[in-house]
Protein backbone atom coordinates (compact mmCIF):
# COMPACT_ATOMS: atom_id res chain seq x y z
CA MET A 1 11.38 20.70 -45.07
CA TYR A 2 7.83 21.50 -46.20
CA GLU A 3 6.55 22.09 -49.73
CA ASN A 4 2.87 22.96 -49.31
CA ILE A 5 2.97 24.82 -46.00
CA LEU A 6 5.20 27.30 -44.21
CA VAL A 7 6.03 26.88 -40.53
CA GLU A 8 7.29 30.01 -38.79
CA ARG A 9 8.06 30.69 -35.14
CA GLU A 10 7.71 34.06 -33.46
CA GLU A 11 7.83 32.87 -29.86
CA PRO A 12 5.56 32.44 -28.05
CA LEU A 13 3.58 32.05 -31.29
CA ALA A 14 3.94 29.74 -34.27
CA PHE A 15 2.29 30.03 -37.67
CA ILE A 16 1.27 27.27 -40.05
CA THR A 17 0.55 28.88 -43.42
CA PHE A 18 -0.99 27.01 -46.35
CA ASN A 19 1.20 27.79 -49.34
CA ARG A 20 -0.34 26.57 -52.58
CA PRO A 21 -1.56 29.91 -53.94
CA GLU A 22 -1.76 28.62 -57.51
CA VAL A 23 -4.71 26.39 -56.50
CA LEU A 24 -6.10 28.65 -53.74
CA ASN A 25 -4.48 26.35 -51.14
CA ALA A 26 -6.60 23.37 -52.16
CA MET A 27 -6.01 20.50 -49.75
CA ASN A 28 -4.23 17.42 -51.03
CA ARG A 29 -2.74 14.39 -49.31
CA LYS A 30 0.76 15.87 -49.11
CA THR A 31 -0.56 19.04 -47.46
CA LYS A 32 -2.35 16.96 -44.84
CA GLU A 33 0.79 14.96 -44.12
CA GLU A 34 2.82 18.15 -43.74
CA VAL A 35 0.32 19.72 -41.35
CA LEU A 36 0.39 16.58 -39.19
CA ALA A 37 4.19 16.68 -39.16
CA ALA A 38 4.22 20.38 -38.29
CA LEU A 39 1.83 19.87 -35.39
CA ALA A 40 3.99 17.05 -34.04
CA GLU A 41 7.02 19.32 -34.29
CA LEU A 42 5.33 22.26 -32.55
CA GLU A 43 3.84 20.12 -29.79
CA GLY A 44 7.33 19.40 -28.47
CA ASP A 45 8.54 23.01 -28.74
CA GLU A 46 8.24 24.56 -25.28
CA GLY A 47 8.82 28.03 -26.72
CA VAL A 48 5.56 27.82 -28.67
CA ARG A 49 2.41 28.35 -26.63
CA VAL A 50 -0.20 29.21 -29.30
CA VAL A 51 -0.42 28.17 -32.96
CA ILE A 52 -2.09 30.27 -35.65
CA VAL A 53 -3.24 28.52 -38.83
CA ARG A 54 -3.70 30.75 -41.87
CA GLY A 55 -3.73 30.90 -45.65
CA SER A 56 -3.34 33.75 -48.11
CA GLU A 57 -5.38 36.88 -48.74
CA LYS A 58 -7.40 35.08 -51.42
CA ALA A 59 -7.92 31.77 -49.67
CA PHE A 60 -7.52 30.03 -46.35
CA VAL A 61 -8.21 26.67 -48.01
CA ALA A 62 -10.56 26.63 -51.01
CA GLY A 63 -11.47 22.96 -50.54
CA ALA A 64 -10.07 19.59 -51.49
CA ASP A 65 -7.83 19.05 -54.48
CA ILE A 66 -10.39 17.56 -56.87
CA ASN A 67 -7.63 16.05 -59.00
CA GLU A 68 -7.02 13.54 -56.19
CA PHE A 69 -10.71 12.73 -55.85
CA ALA A 70 -11.49 12.02 -59.49
CA ASP A 71 -10.29 8.39 -59.62
CA THR A 72 -10.51 7.51 -55.93
CA ARG A 73 -12.25 4.24 -55.09
CA PRO A 74 -14.57 4.04 -52.06
CA MET A 75 -12.19 1.85 -50.05
CA ASP A 76 -9.25 4.14 -50.83
CA GLN A 77 -11.15 7.09 -49.45
CA TRP A 78 -12.25 5.16 -46.35
CA VAL A 79 -8.69 4.09 -45.55
CA ASP A 80 -7.33 7.57 -46.23
CA ARG A 81 -9.71 9.14 -43.72
CA ARG A 82 -8.97 6.54 -41.05
CA GLU A 83 -5.20 6.47 -41.40
CA GLN A 84 -4.47 10.18 -41.42
CA ALA A 85 -6.90 11.28 -38.72
CA TYR A 86 -6.21 14.71 -40.17
CA TYR A 87 -9.30 16.49 -38.96
CA GLU A 88 -8.80 15.15 -35.43
CA ALA A 89 -5.24 16.46 -35.19
CA ILE A 90 -6.05 20.03 -34.17
CA PRO A 91 -8.84 19.22 -31.66
CA SER A 92 -6.47 16.79 -29.93
CA PHE A 93 -3.46 19.12 -30.13
CA PRO A 94 -2.60 20.16 -26.55
CA LYS A 95 -1.93 23.84 -27.28
CA PRO A 96 -4.50 26.47 -28.35
CA VAL A 97 -4.94 26.77 -32.12
CA ILE A 98 -6.47 29.86 -33.73
CA ALA A 99 -7.67 29.92 -37.34
CA MET A 100 -7.11 33.22 -39.16
CA ILE A 101 -9.49 33.17 -42.12
CA ARG A 102 -9.30 35.33 -45.22
CA GLY A 103 -10.84 34.65 -48.60
CA TYR A 104 -12.22 31.23 -49.49
CA CYS A 105 -12.61 28.71 -46.68
CA LEU A 106 -14.57 25.88 -48.24
CA GLY A 107 -15.08 22.15 -47.81
CA GLY A 108 -12.05 20.73 -46.07
CA GLY A 109 -10.97 24.26 -45.18
CA CYS A 110 -14.21 24.83 -43.31
CA GLU A 111 -13.87 21.45 -41.62
CA LEU A 112 -10.34 22.36 -40.55
CA ILE A 113 -11.44 25.59 -38.83
CA LEU A 114 -14.27 23.70 -37.10
CA GLY A 115 -11.59 21.78 -35.24
CA CYS A 116 -9.68 24.90 -34.21
CA ASP A 117 -10.18 26.39 -30.76
CA LEU A 118 -10.92 29.92 -31.97
CA ARG A 119 -11.73 31.38 -35.38
CA ILE A 120 -11.03 34.97 -36.46
CA ALA A 121 -12.34 35.93 -39.91
CA SER A 122 -11.92 38.86 -42.23
CA THR A 123 -14.77 40.60 -43.99
CA THR A 124 -13.54 38.99 -47.24
CA ALA A 125 -14.01 35.47 -45.91
CA LYS A 126 -16.32 33.08 -47.78
CA ILE A 127 -16.98 30.05 -45.59
CA GLY A 128 -18.97 27.00 -46.58
CA GLN A 129 -19.48 23.28 -47.15
CA PRO A 130 -20.12 23.01 -50.92
CA GLU A 131 -19.63 19.23 -51.23
CA ILE A 132 -23.29 18.75 -52.15
CA ASN A 133 -22.56 20.51 -55.46
CA LEU A 134 -20.26 17.60 -56.37
CA GLY A 135 -22.73 14.93 -55.31
CA LEU A 136 -20.95 14.45 -52.00
CA ILE A 137 -21.37 15.30 -48.33
CA PRO A 138 -18.76 16.65 -45.89
CA GLY A 139 -16.28 13.90 -45.08
CA GLY A 140 -13.98 15.56 -42.56
CA GLY A 141 -16.39 16.16 -39.71
CA GLY A 142 -18.50 18.94 -41.20
CA SER A 143 -21.81 17.18 -40.61
CA GLN A 144 -20.89 16.60 -36.95
CA ARG A 145 -18.92 19.64 -35.75
CA LEU A 146 -20.86 22.28 -37.68
CA PRO A 147 -24.23 21.62 -35.94
CA ARG A 148 -22.48 21.74 -32.57
CA LEU A 149 -21.29 25.26 -33.33
CA VAL A 150 -24.17 26.83 -35.23
CA GLY A 151 -27.18 24.59 -34.56
CA GLU A 152 -28.86 21.98 -36.71
CA GLY A 153 -30.90 24.38 -38.85
CA LYS A 154 -27.99 26.57 -39.95
CA ALA A 155 -25.83 23.51 -40.51
CA MET A 156 -28.56 22.00 -42.70
CA GLN A 157 -28.76 25.20 -44.71
CA MET A 158 -25.01 25.42 -45.27
CA VAL A 159 -24.61 21.75 -46.20
CA LEU A 160 -27.80 21.23 -48.24
CA ALA A 161 -27.63 24.50 -50.18
CA GLY A 162 -23.85 24.35 -50.57
CA GLU A 163 -23.59 28.13 -50.58
CA PRO A 164 -20.81 29.98 -48.74
CA ILE A 165 -21.55 32.65 -46.14
CA SER A 166 -19.67 35.86 -45.37
CA GLY A 167 -17.45 36.51 -42.39
CA GLU A 168 -20.14 38.73 -40.88
CA GLU A 169 -22.82 36.04 -41.20
CA ALA A 170 -20.41 33.45 -39.83
CA LYS A 171 -19.99 35.58 -36.71
CA ALA A 172 -23.73 36.12 -36.40
CA ILE A 173 -24.40 32.37 -36.28
CA GLY A 174 -21.45 31.54 -34.02
CA LEU A 175 -19.20 29.91 -36.62
CA VAL A 176 -16.42 32.43 -35.96
CA GLU A 177 -15.75 34.40 -32.80
CA GLU A 178 -14.64 37.70 -34.34
CA VAL A 179 -14.61 39.40 -37.74
CA TYR A 180 -12.50 42.36 -38.86
CA PRO A 181 -11.65 44.24 -42.05
CA ASP A 182 -9.02 42.42 -44.07
CA GLU A 183 -6.26 44.87 -43.21
CA GLU A 184 -6.87 44.41 -39.46
CA VAL A 185 -7.46 40.68 -39.11
CA GLU A 186 -3.82 39.62 -38.74
CA ALA A 187 -3.02 42.19 -36.07
CA ARG A 188 -6.18 41.28 -34.13
CA THR A 189 -5.40 37.58 -34.34
CA ARG A 190 -1.86 38.15 -33.09
CA GLU A 191 -3.16 40.31 -30.25
CA LEU A 192 -5.54 37.59 -29.07
CA ALA A 193 -2.91 34.87 -29.45
CA LEU A 194 -0.40 36.84 -27.39
CA ARG A 195 -2.96 37.40 -24.61
CA ILE A 196 -3.60 33.66 -24.47
CA ALA A 197 0.13 32.86 -24.61
CA GLU A 198 0.65 34.79 -21.36
CA LYS A 199 -1.37 32.21 -19.43
CA SER A 200 -0.12 29.02 -17.82
CA PRO A 201 0.57 26.41 -20.53
CA ILE A 202 -0.66 23.65 -18.24
CA ALA A 203 -3.88 25.48 -17.41
CA LEU A 204 -4.43 26.21 -21.10
CA ARG A 205 -4.02 22.55 -21.96
CA LEU A 206 -6.45 21.37 -19.30
CA ALA A 207 -8.95 24.14 -20.08
CA LYS A 208 -8.99 23.04 -23.72
CA GLU A 209 -9.33 19.41 -22.64
CA ALA A 210 -12.26 20.20 -20.35
CA ILE A 211 -14.16 22.24 -22.93
CA ARG A 212 -13.59 19.65 -25.66
CA ALA A 213 -14.91 16.96 -23.33
CA ALA A 214 -18.19 18.84 -22.94
CA SER A 215 -19.22 17.77 -26.45
CA ASN A 216 -18.72 14.11 -25.67
CA MET A 217 -19.92 13.79 -22.07
CA GLY A 218 -23.15 14.18 -20.21
CA LEU A 219 -23.31 17.07 -17.73
CA LYS A 220 -22.69 14.94 -14.64
CA ALA A 221 -19.65 13.21 -16.10
CA GLY A 222 -18.39 16.51 -17.48
CA LEU A 223 -18.62 18.24 -14.11
CA GLU A 224 -16.74 15.40 -12.46
CA TYR A 225 -14.05 15.56 -15.14
CA GLU A 226 -13.74 19.33 -14.73
CA THR A 227 -13.33 18.92 -10.96
CA ALA A 228 -10.55 16.37 -11.46
CA LEU A 229 -8.65 18.64 -13.84
CA PHE A 230 -9.19 21.65 -11.57
CA ALA A 231 -7.77 19.75 -8.59
CA LEU A 232 -4.82 18.50 -10.65
CA LEU A 233 -3.69 22.08 -11.29
CA PHE A 234 -3.17 22.59 -7.55
CA SER A 235 -0.06 20.42 -7.88
CA THR A 236 1.64 22.78 -10.36
CA GLU A 237 4.23 25.50 -9.93
CA ASP A 238 2.17 27.69 -12.25
CA LYS A 239 -0.76 27.62 -9.82
CA ALA A 240 1.54 28.75 -6.98
CA GLU A 241 3.02 31.47 -9.18
CA GLY A 242 -0.40 32.68 -10.29
CA MET A 243 -1.65 32.99 -6.72
CA LYS A 244 1.54 34.70 -5.55
CA ALA A 245 1.52 37.16 -8.45
CA PHE A 246 -2.11 38.03 -7.76
CA LEU A 247 -1.41 38.76 -4.10
CA GLU A 248 1.68 40.77 -4.99
CA LYS A 249 -0.24 42.68 -7.67
CA ARG A 250 2.17 41.80 -10.46
CA LYS A 251 2.06 39.92 -13.74
CA ALA A 252 2.54 36.19 -13.35
CA ALA A 253 5.55 34.53 -15.00
CA PHE A 254 4.24 31.11 -15.93
CA THR A 255 6.74 28.39 -16.87
CA GLY A 256 4.51 25.45 -17.74
CA ARG A 257 5.49 23.45 -14.66
């Protein structure tokens, strides 16, 4: 079904793997369309509770496919960004999405992980926004999401200098949550994903919604929104099961209802 990505299920997890190794997984229009289709497919799969996005050992995504950019007119690029809403797809996806980053993660690859809920990097990772080297600026949210994660100064440095940083430095500035040696990063990512997948799917969805809202709301509005979502969970079977399991000192069996 897909040419540029692989979609694999290992319930309760699913993996979206970029699969253009000959160009270090450079992002083109077809890849974006396939990722959007895969997310739509996985959203409706009740057996999937957490999605892991990954690339190869050499590259997560090494940037945009420059061959598509060379002859693009300004209006074409404007329409392409608006119609695909590619970089909004993961932030608005209702299930947790974890980026597993090895090798090059540049340009659009960096912007993609900025939209993920958690980011786990290997020591081989090279993460950056090098668009300035082509006479461009980030066009997939890099100038907006990056400062929210790492602060304005570090974002300025990464965008204006156009130089990638290591996995260790990315962790130090808050761009990724964890960093591990290359041979350990997949096992650690799976371990975290499985811990998250044990939780109530409804609570996970609303927790993600509440935290995402914090970037777009003032504190007062955000607190009111959090209270509304918190109260809503009291109507779920998962809340009743969680409370009962706690009192009975057993592991909860959440169903997503």
